[in-house]
Amino acid sequence: MDGFERRRELKKKDILEAALELFMKYGVQKVSIAEIAKEANVSQVTIYNYFDSKNNLIHLVFKFYVD
């Protein structure tokens, strides 16, 4: 794994962790992509580049939590 791939995976993990934390604190429906982006220190566009939609992000956050 080169440096680019490692940074990409770390950023993805940061987004998943931030989303999980906010979902657990406020609930899935009350958390916006903008709030997740702010918590993860990334742009909203970055989140959509990694996850395509909020529904996909939600699905992967639950999978991340279970794993």
PDB file of N, CA and C in Angstrom:
ATOM      1  N   MET A   1       0.858  -1.187   0.000  1.00  0.00           N
ATOM      2  CA  MET A   1       0.000   0.000   0.000  1.00  0.00           C
ATOM      3  C   MET A   1       0.896   1.240   0.000  1.00  0.00           C
ATOM      4  N   ASP A   2       0.708   2.088  -0.994  1.00  0.00           N
ATOM      5  CA  ASP A   2       1.521   3.299  -1.062  1.00  0.00           C
ATOM      6  C   ASP A   2       0.940   4.401  -0.168  1.00  0.00           C
ATOM      7  N   GLY A   3       1.624   5.523  -0.119  1.00  0.00           N
ATOM      8  CA  GLY A   3       1.211   6.621   0.760  1.00  0.00           C
ATOM      9  C   GLY A   3      -0.167   7.167   0.434  1.00  0.00           C
ATOM     10  N   PHE A   4      -0.497   7.259  -0.853  1.00  0.00           N
ATOM     11  CA  PHE A   4      -1.808   7.769  -1.264  1.00  0.00           C
ATOM     12  C   PHE A   4      -2.924   6.863  -0.753  1.00  0.00           C
ATOM     13  N   GLU A   5      -2.763   5.559  -0.959  1.00  0.00           N
ATOM     14  CA  GLU A   5      -3.787   4.608  -0.508  1.00  0.00           C
ATOM     15  C   GLU A   5      -3.921   4.629   1.009  1.00  0.00           C
ATOM     16  N   ARG A   6      -2.819   4.747   1.713  1.00  0.00           N
ATOM     17  CA  ARG A   6      -2.847   4.784   3.178  1.00  0.00           C
ATOM     18  C   ARG A   6      -3.595   6.030   3.669  1.00  0.00           C
ATOM     19  N   ARG A   7      -3.308   7.190   3.061  1.00  0.00           N
ATOM     20  CA  ARG A   7      -4.006   8.423   3.443  1.00  0.00           C
ATOM     21  C   ARG A   7      -5.492   8.312   3.135  1.00  0.00           C
ATOM     22  N   ARG A   8      -5.808   7.702   1.991  1.00  0.00           N
ATOM     23  CA  ARG A   8      -7.205   7.528   1.599  1.00  0.00           C
ATOM     24  C   ARG A   8      -7.949   6.655   2.619  1.00  0.00           C
ATOM     25  N   GLU A   9      -7.337   5.562   3.033  1.00  0.00           N
ATOM     26  CA  GLU A   9      -7.968   4.680   4.015  1.00  0.00           C
ATOM     27  C   GLU A   9      -8.103   5.359   5.381  1.00  0.00           C
ATOM     28  N   LEU A  10      -7.098   6.134   5.774  1.00  0.00           N
ATOM     29  CA  LEU A  10      -7.180   6.855   7.043  1.00  0.00           C
ATOM     30  C   LEU A  10      -8.293   7.892   7.019  1.00  0.00           C
ATOM     31  N   LYS A  11      -8.437   8.589   5.896  1.00  0.00           N
ATOM     32  CA  LYS A  11      -9.489   9.592   5.759  1.00  0.00           C
ATOM     33  C   LYS A  11     -10.861   8.926   5.811  1.00  0.00           C
ATOM     34  N   LYS A  12     -11.000   7.808   5.141  1.00  0.00           N
ATOM     35  CA  LYS A  12     -12.260   7.065   5.148  1.00  0.00           C
ATOM     36  C   LYS A  12     -12.607   6.615   6.569  1.00  0.00           C
ATOM     37  N   LYS A  13     -11.609   6.120   7.292  1.00  0.00           N
ATOM     38  CA  LYS A  13     -11.809   5.691   8.682  1.00  0.00           C
ATOM     39  C   LYS A  13     -12.195   6.880   9.562  1.00  0.00           C
ATOM     40  N   ASP A  14     -11.560   8.024   9.363  1.00  0.00           N
ATOM     41  CA  ASP A  14     -11.907   9.237  10.124  1.00  0.00           C
ATOM     42  C   ASP A  14     -13.365   9.632   9.892  1.00  0.00           C
ATOM     43  N   ILE A  15     -13.815   9.544   8.647  1.00  0.00           N
ATOM     44  CA  ILE A  15     -15.207   9.886   8.321  1.00  0.00           C
ATOM     45  C   ILE A  15     -16.155   8.910   8.997  1.00  0.00           C
ATOM     46  N   LEU A  16     -15.855   7.617   8.918  1.00  0.00           N
ATOM     47  CA  LEU A  16     -16.716   6.607   9.543  1.00  0.00           C
ATOM     48  C   LEU A  16     -16.785   6.801  11.054  1.00  0.00           C
ATOM     49  N   GLU A  17     -15.661   7.081  11.684  1.00  0.00           N
ATOM     50  CA  GLU A  17     -15.638   7.294  13.139  1.00  0.00           C
ATOM     51  C   GLU A  17     -16.412   8.545  13.535  1.00  0.00           C
ATOM     52  N   ALA A  18     -16.246   9.620  12.775  1.00  0.00           N
ATOM     53  CA  ALA A  18     -16.971  10.859  13.065  1.00  0.00           C
ATOM     54  C   ALA A  18     -18.469  10.646  12.894  1.00  0.00           C
ATOM     55  N   ALA A  19     -18.857   9.974  11.821  1.00  0.00           N
ATOM     56  CA  ALA A  19     -20.276   9.713  11.576  1.00  0.00           C
ATOM     57  C   ALA A  19     -20.858   8.840  12.684  1.00  0.00           C
ATOM     58  N   LEU A  20     -20.150   7.805  13.070  1.00  0.00           N
ATOM     59  CA  LEU A  20     -20.625   6.921  14.133  1.00  0.00           C
ATOM     60  C   LEU A  20     -20.834   7.685  15.430  1.00  0.00           C
ATOM     61  N   GLU A  21     -19.866   8.511  15.782  1.00  0.00           N
ATOM     62  CA  GLU A  21     -19.967   9.299  17.009  1.00  0.00           C
ATOM     63  C   GLU A  21     -21.194  10.222  16.980  1.00  0.00           C
ATOM     64  N   LEU A  22     -21.386  10.913  15.871  1.00  0.00           N
ATOM     65  CA  LEU A  22     -22.529  11.830  15.760  1.00  0.00           C
ATOM     66  C   LEU A  22     -23.855  11.087  15.697  1.00  0.00           C
ATOM     67  N   PHE A  23     -23.903   9.963  14.989  1.00  0.00           N
ATOM     68  CA  PHE A  23     -25.132   9.177  14.909  1.00  0.00           C
ATOM     69  C   PHE A  23     -25.533   8.668  16.287  1.00  0.00           C
ATOM     70  N   MET A  24     -24.566   8.222  17.060  1.00  0.00           N
ATOM     71  CA  MET A  24     -24.867   7.701  18.395  1.00  0.00           C
ATOM     72  C   MET A  24     -25.314   8.818  19.340  1.00  0.00           C
ATOM     73  N   LYS A  25     -24.781   9.996  19.146  1.00  0.00           N
ATOM     74  CA  LYS A  25     -25.097  11.120  20.030  1.00  0.00           C
ATOM     75  C   LYS A  25     -26.433  11.772  19.682  1.00  0.00           C
ATOM     76  N   TYR A  26     -26.712  11.956  18.375  1.00  0.00           N
ATOM     77  CA  TYR A  26     -27.879  12.732  17.966  1.00  0.00           C
ATOM     78  C   TYR A  26     -28.930  11.937  17.180  1.00  0.00           C
ATOM     79  N   GLY A  27     -28.566  10.770  16.697  1.00  0.00           N
ATOM     80  CA  GLY A  27     -29.471   9.995  15.861  1.00  0.00           C
ATOM     81  C   GLY A  27     -29.169  10.229  14.392  1.00  0.00           C
ATOM     82  N   VAL A  28     -29.442   9.226  13.593  1.00  0.00           N
ATOM     83  CA  VAL A  28     -29.081   9.249  12.176  1.00  0.00           C
ATOM     84  C   VAL A  28     -29.786  10.379  11.427  1.00  0.00           C
ATOM     85  N   GLN A  29     -31.065  10.564  11.672  1.00  0.00           N
ATOM     86  CA  GLN A  29     -31.842  11.539  10.910  1.00  0.00           C
ATOM     87  C   GLN A  29     -31.468  12.985  11.219  1.00  0.00           C
ATOM     88  N   LYS A  30     -30.932  13.248  12.411  1.00  0.00           N
ATOM     89  CA  LYS A  30     -30.640  14.627  12.805  1.00  0.00           C
ATOM     90  C   LYS A  30     -29.239  15.093  12.431  1.00  0.00           C
ATOM     91  N   VAL A  31     -28.417  14.202  11.924  1.00  0.00           N
ATOM     92  CA  VAL A  31     -27.031  14.540  11.591  1.00  0.00           C
ATOM     93  C   VAL A  31     -26.923  14.794  10.083  1.00  0.00           C
ATOM     94  N   SER A  32     -26.326  15.913   9.728  1.00  0.00           N
ATOM     95  CA  SER A  32     -26.159  16.243   8.311  1.00  0.00           C
ATOM     96  C   SER A  32     -24.751  15.869   7.836  1.00  0.00           C
ATOM     97  N   ILE A  33     -24.617  15.789   6.537  1.00  0.00           N
ATOM     98  CA  ILE A  33     -23.305  15.542   5.938  1.00  0.00           C
ATOM     99  C   ILE A  33     -22.340  16.663   6.313  1.00  0.00           C
ATOM    100  N   ALA A  34     -22.840  17.884   6.377  1.00  0.00           N
ATOM    101  CA  ALA A  34     -21.996  19.026   6.756  1.00  0.00           C
ATOM    102  C   ALA A  34     -21.432  18.850   8.166  1.00  0.00           C
ATOM    103  N   GLU A  35     -22.243  18.358   9.079  1.00  0.00           N
ATOM    104  CA  GLU A  35     -21.767  18.135  10.454  1.00  0.00           C
ATOM    105  C   GLU A  35     -20.726  17.024  10.503  1.00  0.00           C
ATOM    106  N   ILE A  36     -20.946  15.973   9.739  1.00  0.00           N
ATOM    107  CA  ILE A  36     -19.971  14.878   9.688  1.00  0.00           C
ATOM    108  C   ILE A  36     -18.657  15.385   9.100  1.00  0.00           C
ATOM    109  N   ALA A  37     -18.747  16.171   8.028  1.00  0.00           N
ATOM    110  CA  ALA A  37     -17.552  16.722   7.387  1.00  0.00           C
ATOM    111  C   ALA A  37     -16.766  17.583   8.369  1.00  0.00           C
ATOM    112  N   LYS A  38     -17.458  18.409   9.113  1.00  0.00           N
ATOM    113  CA  LYS A  38     -16.785  19.283  10.083  1.00  0.00           C
ATOM    114  C   LYS A  38     -16.088  18.454  11.160  1.00  0.00           C
ATOM    115  N   GLU A  39     -16.770  17.445  11.667  1.00  0.00           N
ATOM    116  CA  GLU A  39     -16.210  16.590  12.716  1.00  0.00           C
ATOM    117  C   GLU A  39     -14.992  15.805  12.216  1.00  0.00           C
ATOM    118  N   ALA A  40     -15.034  15.377  10.957  1.00  0.00           N
ATOM    119  CA  ALA A  40     -13.939  14.581  10.389  1.00  0.00           C
ATOM    120  C   ALA A  40     -12.849  15.445   9.756  1.00  0.00           C
ATOM    121  N   ASN A  41     -13.037  16.770   9.744  1.00  0.00           N
ATOM    122  CA  ASN A  41     -12.078  17.695   9.141  1.00  0.00           C
ATOM    123  C   ASN A  41     -11.856  17.424   7.654  1.00  0.00           C
ATOM    124  N   VAL A  42     -12.960  17.197   6.951  1.00  0.00           N
ATOM    125  CA  VAL A  42     -12.925  17.017   5.499  1.00  0.00           C
ATOM    126  C   VAL A  42     -14.051  17.849   4.894  1.00  0.00           C
ATOM    127  N   SER A  43     -14.072  17.950   3.576  1.00  0.00           N
ATOM    128  CA  SER A  43     -15.160  18.668   2.918  1.00  0.00           C
ATOM    129  C   SER A  43     -16.331  17.718   2.669  1.00  0.00           C
ATOM    130  N   GLN A  44     -17.498  18.305   2.420  1.00  0.00           N
ATOM    131  CA  GLN A  44     -18.664  17.496   2.087  1.00  0.00           C
ATOM    132  C   GLN A  44     -18.422  16.730   0.790  1.00  0.00           C
ATOM    133  N   VAL A  45     -17.740  17.350  -0.153  1.00  0.00           N
ATOM    134  CA  VAL A  45     -17.434  16.696  -1.427  1.00  0.00           C
ATOM    135  C   VAL A  45     -16.597  15.441  -1.190  1.00  0.00           C
ATOM    136  N   THR A  46     -15.660  15.508  -0.264  1.00  0.00           N
ATOM    137  CA  THR A  46     -14.838  14.340   0.057  1.00  0.00           C
ATOM    138  C   THR A  46     -15.705  13.188   0.549  1.00  0.00           C
ATOM    139  N   ILE A  47     -16.678  13.490   1.390  1.00  0.00           N
ATOM    140  CA  ILE A  47     -17.574  12.440   1.883  1.00  0.00           C
ATOM    141  C   ILE A  47     -18.325  11.800   0.720  1.00  0.00           C
ATOM    142  N   TYR A  48     -18.849  12.622  -0.177  1.00  0.00           N
ATOM    143  CA  TYR A  48     -19.578  12.068  -1.321  1.00  0.00           C
ATOM    144  C   TYR A  48     -18.649  11.311  -2.279  1.00  0.00           C
ATOM    145  N   ASN A  49     -17.385  11.695  -2.348  1.00  0.00           N
ATOM    146  CA  ASN A  49     -16.422  10.952  -3.172  1.00  0.00           C
ATOM    147  C   ASN A  49     -16.187   9.542  -2.622  1.00  0.00           C
ATOM    148  N   TYR A  50     -16.222   9.412  -1.309  1.00  0.00           N
ATOM    149  CA  TYR A  50     -15.982   8.119  -0.674  1.00  0.00           C
ATOM    150  C   TYR A  50     -17.250   7.274  -0.565  1.00  0.00           C
ATOM    151  N   PHE A  51     -18.401   7.906  -0.358  1.00  0.00           N
ATOM    152  CA  PHE A  51     -19.603   7.153   0.018  1.00  0.00           C
ATOM    153  C   PHE A  51     -20.817   7.338  -0.893  1.00  0.00           C
ATOM    154  N   ASP A  52     -20.775   8.171  -1.889  1.00  0.00           N
ATOM    155  CA  ASP A  52     -21.843   8.373  -2.878  1.00  0.00           C
ATOM    156  C   ASP A  52     -23.111   9.030  -2.321  1.00  0.00           C
ATOM    157  N   SER A  53     -23.598   8.593  -1.158  1.00  0.00           N
ATOM    158  CA  SER A  53     -24.830   9.159  -0.596  1.00  0.00           C
ATOM    159  C   SER A  53     -24.819   8.990   0.920  1.00  0.00           C
ATOM    160  N   LYS A  54     -25.710   9.703   1.582  1.00  0.00           N
ATOM    161  CA  LYS A  54     -25.819   9.572   3.031  1.00  0.00           C
ATOM    162  C   LYS A  54     -26.295   8.166   3.393  1.00  0.00           C
ATOM    163  N   ASN A  55     -27.198   7.615   2.594  1.00  0.00           N
ATOM    164  CA  ASN A  55     -27.684   6.255   2.876  1.00  0.00           C
ATOM    165  C   ASN A  55     -26.557   5.235   2.807  1.00  0.00           C
ATOM    166  N   ASN A  56     -25.693   5.370   1.825  1.00  0.00           N
ATOM    167  CA  ASN A  56     -24.545   4.473   1.718  1.00  0.00           C
ATOM    168  C   ASN A  56     -23.610   4.661   2.913  1.00  0.00           C
ATOM    169  N   LEU A  57     -23.395   5.897   3.318  1.00  0.00           N
ATOM    170  CA  LEU A  57     -22.561   6.176   4.484  1.00  0.00           C
ATOM    171  C   LEU A  57     -23.158   5.531   5.729  1.00  0.00           C
ATOM    172  N   ILE A  58     -24.461   5.677   5.924  1.00  0.00           N
ATOM    173  CA  ILE A  58     -25.137   5.088   7.084  1.00  0.00           C
ATOM    174  C   ILE A  58     -24.921   3.577   7.099  1.00  0.00           C
ATOM    175  N   HIS A  59     -25.133   2.952   5.946  1.00  0.00           N
ATOM    176  CA  HIS A  59     -24.953   1.500   5.841  1.00  0.00           C
ATOM    177  C   HIS A  59     -23.531   1.091   6.226  1.00  0.00           C
ATOM    178  N   LEU A  60     -22.545   1.814   5.704  1.00  0.00           N
ATOM    179  CA  LEU A  60     -21.147   1.464   5.982  1.00  0.00           C
ATOM    180  C   LEU A  60     -20.741   1.789   7.422  1.00  0.00           C
ATOM    181  N   VAL A  61     -21.368   2.798   8.016  1.00  0.00           N
ATOM    182  CA  VAL A  61     -21.094   3.102   9.432  1.00  0.00           C
ATOM    183  C   VAL A  61     -21.572   1.959  10.303  1.00  0.00           C
ATOM    184  N   PHE A  62     -22.755   1.431  10.028  1.00  0.00           N
ATOM    185  CA  PHE A  62     -23.252   0.300  10.816  1.00  0.00           C
ATOM    186  C   PHE A  62     -22.372  -0.930  10.624  1.00  0.00           C
ATOM    187  N   LYS A  63     -21.927  -1.164   9.399  1.00  0.00           N
ATOM    188  CA  LYS A  63     -21.028  -2.277   9.122  1.00  0.00           C
ATOM    189  C   LYS A  63     -19.697  -2.077   9.865  1.00  0.00           C
ATOM    190  N   PHE A  64     -19.173  -0.846   9.827  1.00  0.00           N
ATOM    191  CA  PHE A  64     -17.933  -0.507  10.536  1.00  0.00           C
ATOM    192  C   PHE A  64     -18.091  -0.746  12.039  1.00  0.00           C
ATOM    193  N   TYR A  65     -19.236  -0.364  12.591  1.00  0.00           N
ATOM    194  CA  TYR A  65     -19.509  -0.531  14.025  1.00  0.00           C
ATOM    195  C   TYR A  65     -19.547  -2.007  14.403  1.00  0.00           C
ATOM    196  N   VAL A  66     -20.206  -2.815  13.588  1.00  0.00           N
ATOM    197  CA  VAL A  66     -20.338  -4.242  13.875  1.00  0.00           C
ATOM    198  C   VAL A  66     -18.982  -4.947  13.781  1.00  0.00           C
ATOM    199  N   ASP A  67     -18.191  -4.568  12.778  1.00  0.00           N
ATOM    200  CA  ASP A  67     -16.881  -5.193  12.601  1.00  0.00           C
ATOM    201  C   ASP A  67     -15.975  -4.819  13.749  1.00  0.00           C
TER     202      ASP A  67
END
